[in-house]
Amino acid sequence: MSQFWQFSEDILRRLYGIITGIPLIFWACVFFDVLGFVVGTVIWYGPQLQRAPWWAWLFIPDCPLAALLAIVAYLRLRYGYAPDWFTALASVSCIKYGIWTVIFWGTKWATTGEYLPIEIGLVLVHLALMFQGVLLWPALTAVPVPMRLMAVAWLALSVYVDYGYGFHPALDPSITPMQAGSWAAGLTVLLGIAMALLVYRPTPPPTAIGA
């Protein structure tokens, strides 16, 4: 198992180095994350945000906020900041909401048999979001376990607000809030376990810094 993780970590670090080390690729990723944040927040979640109280705003645009966190986390690492709780929050947010969205649309397709082009596009976009979170995973070895679990605690609070107060994303009629909430809670628990088990190495991995 340790050999498998070491191999996976080496691959992720190489991919991370390529993406962050080539300015054209890096800034293209930043551009699409910014675009996803704006479009997702304004168009997809805009009506819901208008109806919600101000204190719930941080918990409503889940995926767009994860994309924004990824932008900030990658910029911080690229320009010399050591991995910390913010890196962990960006990573687990991208992974959780990326996987959740894939499960959501996959369940909708299996239930209704309908595959709309926009839905397929959303799945591809959220797979990319998940991949961004996975790429940050090796950096988390330099983040103390309590800081990682703080990030997971924020996700747990988000699940409570979303499904306890009804601020969850709009759901297809084929999917109940209980189903969606169970996916969100289950992914949060799994990520919490993974965060707790990830070996702590205080020396941060090298980060690529480019122009």
N, C-alpha and C. Protein backbone atom coordinates (compact mmCIF):
# COMPACT_ATOMS: atom_id res chain seq x y z
N MET A 1 0.83 -1.21 0.00
CA MET A 1 0.00 0.00 0.00
C MET A 1 0.87 1.26 0.00
N SER A 2 1.95 1.22 0.80
CA SER A 2 2.83 2.38 0.86
C SER A 2 3.51 2.62 -0.48
N GLN A 3 3.86 1.53 -1.19
CA GLN A 3 4.47 1.69 -2.50
C GLN A 3 3.48 2.30 -3.50
N PHE A 4 2.22 1.87 -3.40
CA PHE A 4 1.20 2.42 -4.28
C PHE A 4 1.03 3.91 -4.02
N TRP A 5 0.98 4.30 -2.73
CA TRP A 5 0.82 5.72 -2.42
C TRP A 5 2.02 6.52 -2.90
N GLN A 6 3.23 5.98 -2.72
CA GLN A 6 4.43 6.69 -3.16
C GLN A 6 4.42 6.89 -4.66
N PHE A 7 4.01 5.84 -5.38
CA PHE A 7 3.92 5.95 -6.84
C PHE A 7 2.88 7.00 -7.23
N SER A 8 1.71 6.96 -6.59
CA SER A 8 0.65 7.92 -6.89
C SER A 8 1.10 9.34 -6.56
N GLU A 9 1.79 9.49 -5.42
CA GLU A 9 2.25 10.81 -5.02
C GLU A 9 3.26 11.36 -6.02
N ASP A 10 4.16 10.52 -6.50
CA ASP A 10 5.14 10.96 -7.49
C ASP A 10 4.45 11.43 -8.77
N ILE A 11 3.45 10.68 -9.21
CA ILE A 11 2.71 11.05 -10.43
C ILE A 11 2.01 12.39 -10.23
N LEU A 12 1.35 12.56 -9.08
CA LEU A 12 0.62 13.80 -8.81
C LEU A 12 1.57 14.99 -8.74
N ARG A 13 2.73 14.79 -8.13
CA ARG A 13 3.69 15.89 -8.04
C ARG A 13 4.20 16.29 -9.42
N ARG A 14 4.42 15.30 -10.28
CA ARG A 14 4.89 15.61 -11.62
C ARG A 14 3.83 16.38 -12.40
N LEU A 15 2.58 15.93 -12.30
CA LEU A 15 1.49 16.64 -12.98
C LEU A 15 1.33 18.05 -12.43
N TYR A 16 1.44 18.16 -11.10
CA TYR A 16 1.35 19.48 -10.46
C TYR A 16 2.46 20.39 -10.97
N GLY A 17 3.67 19.84 -11.08
CA GLY A 17 4.80 20.62 -11.56
C GLY A 17 4.62 21.09 -12.99
N ILE A 18 4.03 20.23 -13.83
CA ILE A 18 3.78 20.61 -15.22
C ILE A 18 2.76 21.74 -15.29
N ILE A 19 1.65 21.58 -14.56
CA ILE A 19 0.57 22.57 -14.63
C ILE A 19 0.99 23.91 -14.05
N THR A 20 1.69 23.88 -12.93
CA THR A 20 2.09 25.15 -12.29
C THR A 20 3.36 25.73 -12.90
N GLY A 21 4.15 24.89 -13.55
CA GLY A 21 5.43 25.36 -14.09
C GLY A 21 5.35 25.93 -15.48
N ILE A 22 4.26 25.68 -16.19
CA ILE A 22 4.10 26.22 -17.54
C ILE A 22 3.05 27.32 -17.47
N PRO A 23 3.47 28.58 -17.59
CA PRO A 23 2.53 29.70 -17.39
C PRO A 23 1.26 29.61 -18.22
N LEU A 24 1.36 29.21 -19.47
CA LEU A 24 0.18 29.16 -20.33
C LEU A 24 -0.86 28.20 -19.76
N ILE A 25 -0.42 27.03 -19.33
CA ILE A 25 -1.35 26.05 -18.76
C ILE A 25 -1.91 26.55 -17.43
N PHE A 26 -1.03 27.08 -16.59
CA PHE A 26 -1.46 27.51 -15.26
C PHE A 26 -2.50 28.62 -15.36
N TRP A 27 -2.22 29.65 -16.14
CA TRP A 27 -3.14 30.79 -16.21
C TRP A 27 -4.41 30.44 -16.96
N ALA A 28 -4.35 29.47 -17.86
CA ALA A 28 -5.57 28.99 -18.50
C ALA A 28 -6.48 28.32 -17.46
N CYS A 29 -5.87 27.54 -16.57
CA CYS A 29 -6.64 26.90 -15.50
C CYS A 29 -7.25 27.95 -14.57
N VAL A 30 -6.46 28.97 -14.24
CA VAL A 30 -6.98 30.04 -13.39
C VAL A 30 -8.16 30.74 -14.08
N PHE A 31 -8.01 31.01 -15.36
CA PHE A 31 -9.09 31.69 -16.11
C PHE A 31 -10.38 30.88 -16.06
N PHE A 32 -10.29 29.58 -16.31
CA PHE A 32 -11.49 28.75 -16.33
C PHE A 32 -12.09 28.60 -14.93
N ASP A 33 -11.24 28.60 -13.89
CA ASP A 33 -11.76 28.57 -12.53
C ASP A 33 -12.51 29.86 -12.21
N VAL A 34 -11.94 30.99 -12.61
CA VAL A 34 -12.62 32.27 -12.39
C VAL A 34 -13.95 32.30 -13.14
N LEU A 35 -13.93 31.82 -14.37
CA LEU A 35 -15.15 31.77 -15.17
C LEU A 35 -16.19 30.87 -14.50
N GLY A 36 -15.74 29.72 -14.02
CA GLY A 36 -16.66 28.81 -13.34
C GLY A 36 -17.23 29.41 -12.07
N PHE A 37 -16.39 30.13 -11.33
CA PHE A 37 -16.88 30.77 -10.10
C PHE A 37 -17.94 31.82 -10.41
N VAL A 38 -17.67 32.66 -11.40
CA VAL A 38 -18.61 33.74 -11.73
C VAL A 38 -19.91 33.19 -12.28
N VAL A 39 -19.80 32.31 -13.27
CA VAL A 39 -21.00 31.75 -13.90
C VAL A 39 -21.81 30.93 -12.89
N GLY A 40 -21.12 30.10 -12.12
CA GLY A 40 -21.82 29.27 -11.16
C GLY A 40 -22.51 30.07 -10.08
N THR A 41 -21.82 31.11 -9.58
CA THR A 41 -22.39 31.92 -8.50
C THR A 41 -23.54 32.78 -8.99
N VAL A 42 -23.35 33.43 -10.14
CA VAL A 42 -24.35 34.39 -10.63
C VAL A 42 -25.53 33.70 -11.29
N ILE A 43 -25.25 32.76 -12.18
CA ILE A 43 -26.34 32.15 -12.97
C ILE A 43 -26.97 30.96 -12.25
N TRP A 44 -26.12 30.03 -11.80
CA TRP A 44 -26.66 28.79 -11.23
C TRP A 44 -27.24 29.03 -9.83
N TYR A 45 -26.49 29.75 -8.99
CA TYR A 45 -26.92 29.95 -7.60
C TYR A 45 -27.49 31.34 -7.33
N GLY A 46 -27.45 32.23 -8.33
CA GLY A 46 -27.90 33.60 -8.12
C GLY A 46 -29.29 33.73 -7.53
N PRO A 47 -30.31 33.09 -8.13
CA PRO A 47 -31.66 33.20 -7.56
C PRO A 47 -31.76 32.68 -6.13
N GLN A 48 -31.04 31.60 -5.85
CA GLN A 48 -31.06 31.05 -4.49
C GLN A 48 -30.40 31.99 -3.50
N LEU A 49 -29.30 32.62 -3.91
CA LEU A 49 -28.62 33.57 -3.04
C LEU A 49 -29.50 34.78 -2.72
N GLN A 50 -30.29 35.22 -3.70
CA GLN A 50 -31.16 36.37 -3.48
C GLN A 50 -32.24 36.08 -2.43
N ARG A 51 -32.67 34.81 -2.36
CA ARG A 51 -33.73 34.45 -1.42
C ARG A 51 -33.19 34.12 -0.04
N ALA A 52 -31.89 33.84 0.06
CA ALA A 52 -31.31 33.33 1.30
C ALA A 52 -30.84 34.47 2.20
N PRO A 53 -30.80 34.25 3.52
CA PRO A 53 -30.22 35.26 4.43
C PRO A 53 -28.71 35.35 4.20
N TRP A 54 -28.14 36.49 4.56
CA TRP A 54 -26.72 36.74 4.27
C TRP A 54 -25.81 35.72 4.93
N TRP A 55 -26.19 35.22 6.12
CA TRP A 55 -25.29 34.30 6.83
C TRP A 55 -25.14 32.96 6.11
N ALA A 56 -26.06 32.64 5.19
CA ALA A 56 -26.01 31.36 4.49
C ALA A 56 -25.25 31.44 3.18
N TRP A 57 -24.83 32.64 2.78
CA TRP A 57 -24.23 32.81 1.46
C TRP A 57 -22.96 31.98 1.28
N LEU A 58 -22.15 31.87 2.32
CA LEU A 58 -20.91 31.10 2.20
C LEU A 58 -21.16 29.61 2.02
N PHE A 59 -22.37 29.15 2.34
CA PHE A 59 -22.66 27.71 2.28
C PHE A 59 -23.45 27.32 1.03
N ILE A 60 -23.88 28.28 0.24
CA ILE A 60 -24.77 27.96 -0.87
C ILE A 60 -24.03 27.63 -2.17
N PRO A 61 -23.14 28.49 -2.69
CA PRO A 61 -22.49 28.17 -3.98
C PRO A 61 -21.32 27.20 -3.78
N ASP A 62 -21.65 25.94 -3.50
CA ASP A 62 -20.63 24.96 -3.10
C ASP A 62 -19.52 24.80 -4.13
N CYS A 63 -19.88 24.42 -5.35
CA CYS A 63 -18.86 24.17 -6.38
C CYS A 63 -18.15 25.45 -6.83
N PRO A 64 -18.88 26.54 -7.08
CA PRO A 64 -18.16 27.77 -7.44
C PRO A 64 -17.19 28.23 -6.35
N LEU A 65 -17.59 28.08 -5.09
CA LEU A 65 -16.70 28.47 -4.01
C LEU A 65 -15.47 27.56 -3.96
N ALA A 66 -15.66 26.27 -4.24
CA ALA A 66 -14.52 25.35 -4.28
C ALA A 66 -13.54 25.77 -5.38
N ALA A 67 -14.06 26.20 -6.53
CA ALA A 67 -13.19 26.67 -7.61
C ALA A 67 -12.42 27.91 -7.18
N LEU A 68 -13.08 28.83 -6.46
CA LEU A 68 -12.40 30.03 -5.97
C LEU A 68 -11.31 29.66 -4.97
N LEU A 69 -11.61 28.73 -4.07
CA LEU A 69 -10.61 28.27 -3.11
C LEU A 69 -9.41 27.66 -3.82
N ALA A 70 -9.66 26.92 -4.89
CA ALA A 70 -8.57 26.30 -5.65
C ALA A 70 -7.67 27.37 -6.26
N ILE A 71 -8.28 28.42 -6.82
CA ILE A 71 -7.48 29.50 -7.40
C ILE A 71 -6.53 30.08 -6.36
N VAL A 72 -7.07 30.42 -5.21
CA VAL A 72 -6.26 31.05 -4.16
C VAL A 72 -5.19 30.09 -3.66
N ALA A 73 -5.55 28.82 -3.46
CA ALA A 73 -4.59 27.84 -2.96
C ALA A 73 -3.43 27.65 -3.93
N TYR A 74 -3.74 27.51 -5.21
CA TYR A 74 -2.68 27.32 -6.20
C TYR A 74 -1.80 28.55 -6.33
N LEU A 75 -2.40 29.73 -6.28
CA LEU A 75 -1.60 30.95 -6.35
C LEU A 75 -0.68 31.06 -5.13
N ARG A 76 -1.19 30.74 -3.97
CA ARG A 76 -0.37 30.82 -2.75
C ARG A 76 0.81 29.86 -2.82
N LEU A 77 0.56 28.62 -3.25
CA LEU A 77 1.65 27.65 -3.35
C LEU A 77 2.64 28.06 -4.45
N ARG A 78 2.12 28.55 -5.55
CA ARG A 78 2.98 28.93 -6.67
C ARG A 78 3.96 30.03 -6.30
N TYR A 79 3.52 30.93 -5.43
CA TYR A 79 4.36 32.07 -5.07
C TYR A 79 4.96 31.96 -3.67
N GLY A 80 5.14 30.70 -3.21
CA GLY A 80 6.02 30.47 -2.07
C GLY A 80 5.40 30.27 -0.71
N TYR A 81 4.07 30.32 -0.59
CA TYR A 81 3.46 30.07 0.72
C TYR A 81 3.47 28.58 1.02
N ALA A 82 3.75 28.24 2.26
CA ALA A 82 3.75 26.84 2.65
C ALA A 82 2.32 26.30 2.71
N PRO A 83 2.11 25.02 2.42
CA PRO A 83 0.77 24.44 2.54
C PRO A 83 0.24 24.59 3.97
N ASP A 84 -1.02 24.94 4.12
CA ASP A 84 -1.62 25.10 5.44
C ASP A 84 -3.08 24.69 5.38
N TRP A 85 -3.87 25.10 6.38
CA TRP A 85 -5.27 24.70 6.47
C TRP A 85 -6.05 25.14 5.23
N PHE A 86 -5.66 26.27 4.62
CA PHE A 86 -6.37 26.74 3.44
C PHE A 86 -6.16 25.78 2.27
N THR A 87 -4.95 25.26 2.14
CA THR A 87 -4.67 24.26 1.11
C THR A 87 -5.55 23.04 1.31
N ALA A 88 -5.68 22.61 2.56
CA ALA A 88 -6.52 21.46 2.87
C ALA A 88 -7.98 21.74 2.55
N LEU A 89 -8.45 22.94 2.89
CA LEU A 89 -9.84 23.29 2.61
C LEU A 89 -10.12 23.30 1.12
N ALA A 90 -9.21 23.85 0.34
CA ALA A 90 -9.39 23.88 -1.12
C ALA A 90 -9.40 22.46 -1.68
N SER A 91 -8.49 21.63 -1.19
CA SER A 91 -8.39 20.27 -1.71
C SER A 91 -9.65 19.46 -1.43
N VAL A 92 -10.08 19.43 -0.17
CA VAL A 92 -11.25 18.60 0.17
C VAL A 92 -12.53 19.16 -0.44
N SER A 93 -12.61 20.48 -0.59
CA SER A 93 -13.80 21.08 -1.20
C SER A 93 -13.92 20.68 -2.66
N CYS A 94 -12.81 20.78 -3.38
CA CYS A 94 -12.82 20.42 -4.80
C CYS A 94 -13.15 18.93 -4.98
N ILE A 95 -12.53 18.09 -4.16
CA ILE A 95 -12.77 16.65 -4.29
C ILE A 95 -14.22 16.32 -3.95
N LYS A 96 -14.69 16.84 -2.83
CA LYS A 96 -16.05 16.49 -2.38
C LYS A 96 -17.10 16.94 -3.39
N TYR A 97 -17.07 18.22 -3.76
CA TYR A 97 -18.13 18.74 -4.62
C TYR A 97 -17.99 18.25 -6.05
N GLY A 98 -16.76 17.94 -6.47
CA GLY A 98 -16.59 17.33 -7.78
C GLY A 98 -17.22 15.95 -7.83
N ILE A 99 -16.94 15.11 -6.83
CA ILE A 99 -17.50 13.76 -6.79
C ILE A 99 -19.01 13.81 -6.59
N TRP A 100 -19.47 14.68 -5.69
CA TRP A 100 -20.90 14.79 -5.41
C TRP A 100 -21.69 15.10 -6.68
N THR A 101 -21.17 16.02 -7.49
CA THR A 101 -21.86 16.40 -8.71
C THR A 101 -21.91 15.25 -9.70
N VAL A 102 -20.83 14.49 -9.81
CA VAL A 102 -20.82 13.34 -10.70
C VAL A 102 -21.85 12.30 -10.23
N ILE A 103 -21.91 12.05 -8.92
CA ILE A 103 -22.90 11.13 -8.38
C ILE A 103 -24.32 11.63 -8.66
N PHE A 104 -24.51 12.93 -8.46
CA PHE A 104 -25.83 13.53 -8.67
C PHE A 104 -26.33 13.30 -10.09
N TRP A 105 -25.53 13.70 -11.08
CA TRP A 105 -25.99 13.56 -12.45
C TRP A 105 -26.02 12.10 -12.90
N GLY A 106 -25.09 11.30 -12.40
CA GLY A 106 -25.12 9.88 -12.73
C GLY A 106 -26.39 9.21 -12.24
N THR A 107 -26.81 9.58 -11.03
CA THR A 107 -28.06 9.03 -10.48
C THR A 107 -29.26 9.52 -11.29
N LYS A 108 -29.25 10.79 -11.66
CA LYS A 108 -30.34 11.34 -12.46
C LYS A 108 -30.44 10.62 -13.79
N TRP A 109 -29.30 10.38 -14.44
CA TRP A 109 -29.32 9.69 -15.73
C TRP A 109 -29.82 8.26 -15.58
N ALA A 110 -29.36 7.57 -14.54
CA ALA A 110 -29.77 6.18 -14.33
C ALA A 110 -31.27 6.09 -14.03
N THR A 111 -31.81 7.12 -13.38
CA THR A 111 -33.22 7.10 -13.00
C THR A 111 -34.13 7.50 -14.14
N THR A 112 -33.74 8.53 -14.88
CA THR A 112 -34.63 9.07 -15.92
C THR A 112 -34.28 8.61 -17.33
N GLY A 113 -33.04 8.20 -17.54
CA GLY A 113 -32.61 7.83 -18.88
C GLY A 113 -32.38 9.01 -19.80
N GLU A 114 -32.39 10.23 -19.25
CA GLU A 114 -32.19 11.45 -20.04
C GLU A 114 -30.76 11.97 -19.86
N TYR A 115 -30.10 12.25 -20.98
CA TYR A 115 -28.74 12.78 -20.96
C TYR A 115 -28.72 14.10 -21.74
N LEU A 116 -28.80 15.21 -21.05
CA LEU A 116 -28.77 16.50 -21.71
C LEU A 116 -27.33 16.97 -21.90
N PRO A 117 -27.01 17.63 -22.99
CA PRO A 117 -25.63 18.08 -23.24
C PRO A 117 -25.06 18.93 -22.10
N ILE A 118 -25.90 19.83 -21.54
CA ILE A 118 -25.39 20.67 -20.46
C ILE A 118 -25.03 19.84 -19.24
N GLU A 119 -25.76 18.76 -19.01
CA GLU A 119 -25.46 17.89 -17.87
C GLU A 119 -24.14 17.15 -18.07
N ILE A 120 -23.91 16.69 -19.28
CA ILE A 120 -22.63 16.03 -19.59
C ILE A 120 -21.48 17.02 -19.41
N GLY A 121 -21.70 18.25 -19.88
CA GLY A 121 -20.67 19.28 -19.71
C GLY A 121 -20.38 19.56 -18.25
N LEU A 122 -21.43 19.60 -17.43
CA LEU A 122 -21.24 19.85 -16.00
C LEU A 122 -20.46 18.72 -15.34
N VAL A 123 -20.71 17.49 -15.77
CA VAL A 123 -19.95 16.36 -15.21
C VAL A 123 -18.47 16.49 -15.56
N LEU A 124 -18.17 16.84 -16.81
CA LEU A 124 -16.77 16.99 -17.21
C LEU A 124 -16.08 18.11 -16.45
N VAL A 125 -16.80 19.23 -16.28
CA VAL A 125 -16.23 20.36 -15.54
C VAL A 125 -15.96 19.97 -14.09
N HIS A 126 -16.87 19.22 -13.49
CA HIS A 126 -16.68 18.87 -12.08
C HIS A 126 -15.68 17.74 -11.89
N LEU A 127 -15.47 16.93 -12.91
CA LEU A 127 -14.35 15.99 -12.85
C LEU A 127 -13.03 16.75 -12.83
N ALA A 128 -12.96 17.84 -13.61
CA ALA A 128 -11.76 18.68 -13.59
C ALA A 128 -11.59 19.34 -12.22
N LEU A 129 -12.71 19.76 -11.62
CA LEU A 129 -12.65 20.34 -10.28
C LEU A 129 -12.10 19.33 -9.27
N MET A 130 -12.60 18.11 -9.34
CA MET A 130 -12.11 17.06 -8.45
C MET A 130 -10.61 16.82 -8.66
N PHE A 131 -10.18 16.82 -9.92
CA PHE A 131 -8.77 16.59 -10.23
C PHE A 131 -7.89 17.67 -9.63
N GLN A 132 -8.37 18.91 -9.62
CA GLN A 132 -7.60 19.98 -9.00
C GLN A 132 -7.39 19.72 -7.51
N GLY A 133 -8.43 19.22 -6.86
CA GLY A 133 -8.28 18.89 -5.44
C GLY A 133 -7.32 17.75 -5.21
N VAL A 134 -7.38 16.73 -6.08
CA VAL A 134 -6.47 15.59 -5.96
C VAL A 134 -5.02 16.02 -6.15
N LEU A 135 -4.78 16.94 -7.09
CA LEU A 135 -3.42 17.41 -7.33
C LEU A 135 -2.80 18.08 -6.10
N LEU A 136 -3.63 18.64 -5.24
CA LEU A 136 -3.13 19.28 -4.03
C LEU A 136 -2.82 18.27 -2.93
N TRP A 137 -3.25 17.04 -3.11
CA TRP A 137 -3.15 16.05 -2.03
C TRP A 137 -1.73 15.86 -1.51
N PRO A 138 -0.70 15.70 -2.37
CA PRO A 138 0.65 15.53 -1.84
C PRO A 138 1.11 16.69 -0.96
N ALA A 139 0.66 17.90 -1.26
CA ALA A 139 1.05 19.06 -0.45
C ALA A 139 0.50 18.95 0.97
N LEU A 140 -0.57 18.18 1.15
CA LEU A 140 -1.21 18.10 2.46
C LEU A 140 -0.39 17.30 3.47
N THR A 141 0.62 16.57 2.99
CA THR A 141 1.47 15.86 3.95
C THR A 141 2.22 16.84 4.84
N ALA A 142 2.38 18.08 4.38
CA ALA A 142 3.07 19.11 5.16
C ALA A 142 2.12 19.87 6.08
N VAL A 143 0.84 19.53 6.05
CA VAL A 143 -0.16 20.21 6.88
C VAL A 143 -0.48 19.34 8.09
N PRO A 144 -0.34 19.85 9.31
CA PRO A 144 -0.67 19.05 10.49
C PRO A 144 -2.10 18.52 10.45
N VAL A 145 -2.29 17.34 11.02
CA VAL A 145 -3.60 16.69 10.99
C VAL A 145 -4.72 17.58 11.55
N PRO A 146 -4.52 18.27 12.70
CA PRO A 146 -5.62 19.13 13.20
C PRO A 146 -6.07 20.17 12.19
N MET A 147 -5.11 20.74 11.42
CA MET A 147 -5.50 21.72 10.40
C MET A 147 -6.30 21.07 9.28
N ARG A 148 -5.93 19.87 8.90
CA ARG A 148 -6.69 19.16 7.87
C ARG A 148 -8.11 18.90 8.35
N LEU A 149 -8.24 18.48 9.59
CA LEU A 149 -9.56 18.16 10.12
C LEU A 149 -10.42 19.41 10.31
N MET A 150 -9.76 20.57 10.48
CA MET A 150 -10.52 21.82 10.51
C MET A 150 -11.23 22.04 9.17
N ALA A 151 -10.53 21.71 8.09
CA ALA A 151 -11.13 21.85 6.76
C ALA A 151 -12.32 20.91 6.61
N VAL A 152 -12.16 19.68 7.09
CA VAL A 152 -13.26 18.72 7.02
C VAL A 152 -14.43 19.17 7.88
N ALA A 153 -14.13 19.78 9.02
CA ALA A 153 -15.20 20.29 9.90
C ALA A 153 -16.02 21.36 9.18
N TRP A 154 -15.37 22.18 8.36
CA TRP A 154 -16.11 23.18 7.60
C TRP A 154 -17.07 22.50 6.61
N LEU A 155 -16.61 21.42 5.97
CA LEU A 155 -17.49 20.68 5.08
C LEU A 155 -18.67 20.08 5.83
N ALA A 156 -18.41 19.59 7.04
CA ALA A 156 -19.49 19.02 7.86
C ALA A 156 -20.51 20.10 8.22
N LEU A 157 -20.02 21.29 8.56
CA LEU A 157 -20.92 22.40 8.86
C LEU A 157 -21.74 22.76 7.63
N SER A 158 -21.13 22.71 6.46
CA SER A 158 -21.83 23.01 5.22
C SER A 158 -22.95 22.01 4.97
N VAL A 159 -22.69 20.73 5.25
CA VAL A 159 -23.73 19.70 5.09
C VAL A 159 -24.91 20.01 6.02
N TYR A 160 -24.60 20.39 7.25
CA TYR A 160 -25.66 20.70 8.23
C TYR A 160 -26.51 21.88 7.76
N VAL A 161 -25.85 22.93 7.29
CA VAL A 161 -26.59 24.12 6.84
C VAL A 161 -27.40 23.79 5.58
N ASP A 162 -26.77 23.08 4.64
CA ASP A 162 -27.45 22.78 3.37
C ASP A 162 -28.71 21.94 3.58
N TYR A 163 -28.57 20.87 4.36
CA TYR A 163 -29.67 19.92 4.46
C TYR A 163 -30.48 20.05 5.76
N GLY A 164 -29.92 20.77 6.72
CA GLY A 164 -30.69 21.04 7.92
C GLY A 164 -31.59 22.24 7.78
N TYR A 165 -31.14 23.24 6.99
CA TYR A 165 -31.90 24.47 6.79
C TYR A 165 -32.45 24.62 5.37
N GLY A 166 -32.19 23.63 4.52
CA GLY A 166 -32.76 23.67 3.17
C GLY A 166 -32.03 24.53 2.18
N PHE A 167 -30.74 24.80 2.41
CA PHE A 167 -29.97 25.62 1.48
C PHE A 167 -29.15 24.79 0.50
N HIS A 168 -29.50 23.53 0.33
CA HIS A 168 -28.78 22.66 -0.59
C HIS A 168 -29.05 23.09 -2.03
N PRO A 169 -28.22 22.62 -2.98
CA PRO A 169 -28.44 22.97 -4.39
C PRO A 169 -29.81 22.48 -4.87
N ALA A 170 -30.30 23.11 -5.92
CA ALA A 170 -31.56 22.65 -6.53
C ALA A 170 -31.40 21.21 -7.00
N LEU A 171 -32.38 20.38 -6.70
CA LEU A 171 -32.30 18.96 -7.01
C LEU A 171 -33.29 18.58 -8.10
N ASP A 172 -32.91 17.62 -8.90
CA ASP A 172 -33.83 17.06 -9.87
C ASP A 172 -34.94 16.31 -9.12
N PRO A 173 -36.18 16.32 -9.65
CA PRO A 173 -37.26 15.60 -8.96
C PRO A 173 -36.98 14.12 -8.70
N SER A 174 -36.06 13.54 -9.48
CA SER A 174 -35.75 12.13 -9.30
C SER A 174 -34.85 11.87 -8.10
N ILE A 175 -34.36 12.94 -7.46
CA ILE A 175 -33.42 12.80 -6.34
C ILE A 175 -33.97 13.54 -5.13
N THR A 176 -34.01 12.87 -4.00
CA THR A 176 -34.55 13.46 -2.78
C THR A 176 -33.45 14.16 -1.99
N PRO A 177 -33.82 15.14 -1.14
CA PRO A 177 -32.82 15.77 -0.27
C PRO A 177 -32.10 14.75 0.63
N MET A 178 -32.80 13.69 1.04
CA MET A 178 -32.16 12.68 1.88
C MET A 178 -31.04 11.97 1.12
N GLN A 179 -31.30 11.65 -0.15
CA GLN A 179 -30.26 11.03 -0.96
C GLN A 179 -29.07 11.95 -1.12
N ALA A 180 -29.34 13.18 -1.55
CA ALA A 180 -28.26 14.15 -1.78
C ALA A 180 -27.49 14.41 -0.50
N GLY A 181 -28.21 14.54 0.63
CA GLY A 181 -27.55 14.79 1.90
C GLY A 181 -26.70 13.61 2.34
N SER A 182 -27.17 12.39 2.07
CA SER A 182 -26.38 11.21 2.46
C SER A 182 -25.09 11.14 1.65
N TRP A 183 -25.13 11.54 0.37
CA TRP A 183 -23.89 11.57 -0.42
C TRP A 183 -22.93 12.60 0.15
N ALA A 184 -23.46 13.77 0.47
CA ALA A 184 -22.61 14.84 1.00
C ALA A 184 -21.98 14.44 2.33
N ALA A 185 -22.79 13.85 3.21
CA ALA A 185 -22.29 13.43 4.52
C ALA A 185 -21.28 12.29 4.38
N GLY A 186 -21.60 11.33 3.52
CA GLY A 186 -20.70 10.19 3.33
C GLY A 186 -19.35 10.61 2.78
N LEU A 187 -19.34 11.50 1.80
CA LEU A 187 -18.08 11.98 1.24
C LEU A 187 -17.28 12.76 2.27
N THR A 188 -17.97 13.52 3.12
CA THR A 188 -17.28 14.27 4.16
C THR A 188 -16.60 13.34 5.15
N VAL A 189 -17.30 12.27 5.53
CA VAL A 189 -16.73 11.30 6.46
C VAL A 189 -15.51 10.61 5.84
N LEU A 190 -15.64 10.19 4.59
CA LEU A 190 -14.53 9.52 3.92
C LEU A 190 -13.31 10.43 3.79
N LEU A 191 -13.54 11.68 3.44
CA LEU A 191 -12.43 12.62 3.34
C LEU A 191 -11.81 12.88 4.70
N GLY A 192 -12.64 12.92 5.75
CA GLY A 192 -12.10 13.10 7.10
C GLY A 192 -11.20 11.95 7.50
N ILE A 193 -11.62 10.73 7.19
CA ILE A 193 -10.79 9.55 7.50
C ILE A 193 -9.48 9.61 6.72
N ALA A 194 -9.59 9.93 5.43
CA ALA A 194 -8.38 10.02 4.60
C ALA A 194 -7.43 11.09 5.11
N MET A 195 -7.97 12.22 5.51
CA MET A 195 -7.15 13.30 6.05
C MET A 195 -6.43 12.88 7.33
N ALA A 196 -7.15 12.15 8.19
CA ALA A 196 -6.56 11.71 9.45
C ALA A 196 -5.45 10.68 9.23
N LEU A 197 -5.60 9.87 8.18
CA LEU A 197 -4.64 8.79 7.93
C LEU A 197 -3.43 9.24 7.12
N LEU A 198 -3.53 10.37 6.45
CA LEU A 198 -2.43 10.85 5.61
C LEU A 198 -1.22 11.17 6.49
N VAL A 199 -0.09 10.56 6.16
CA VAL A 199 1.12 10.69 6.98
C VAL A 199 1.61 12.14 6.97
N TYR A 200 1.92 12.64 8.16
CA TYR A 200 2.41 14.02 8.29
C TYR A 200 3.92 14.06 8.11
N ARG A 201 4.36 14.88 7.15
CA ARG A 201 5.79 15.12 6.94
C ARG A 201 6.00 16.63 6.97
N PRO A 202 6.65 17.18 7.99
CA PRO A 202 6.70 18.63 8.17
C PRO A 202 7.39 19.40 7.07
N THR A 203 8.22 18.75 6.28
CA THR A 203 8.89 19.47 5.18
C THR A 203 7.96 19.52 3.98
N PRO A 204 7.57 20.71 3.55
CA PRO A 204 6.63 20.79 2.41
C PRO A 204 7.26 20.33 1.13
N PRO A 205 6.47 19.72 0.25
CA PRO A 205 7.02 19.29 -1.05
C PRO A 205 7.36 20.51 -1.88
N PRO A 206 8.31 20.38 -2.80
CA PRO A 206 8.68 21.53 -3.63
C PRO A 206 7.51 21.97 -4.49
N THR A 207 7.39 23.27 -4.67
CA THR A 207 6.33 23.80 -5.52
C THR A 207 6.96 24.51 -6.71
N ALA A 208 6.25 24.45 -7.83
CA ALA A 208 6.77 25.08 -9.04
C ALA A 208 6.38 26.54 -9.06
N ILE A 209 7.33 27.39 -9.32
CA ILE A 209 7.08 28.83 -9.38
C ILE A 209 7.48 29.31 -10.76
N GLY A 210 6.55 29.90 -11.46
CA GLY A 210 6.85 30.37 -12.82
C GLY A 210 6.49 31.83 -12.98
N ALA A 211 6.68 32.31 -14.16
CA ALA A 211 6.39 33.70 -14.45
C ALA A 211 4.90 33.93 -14.59
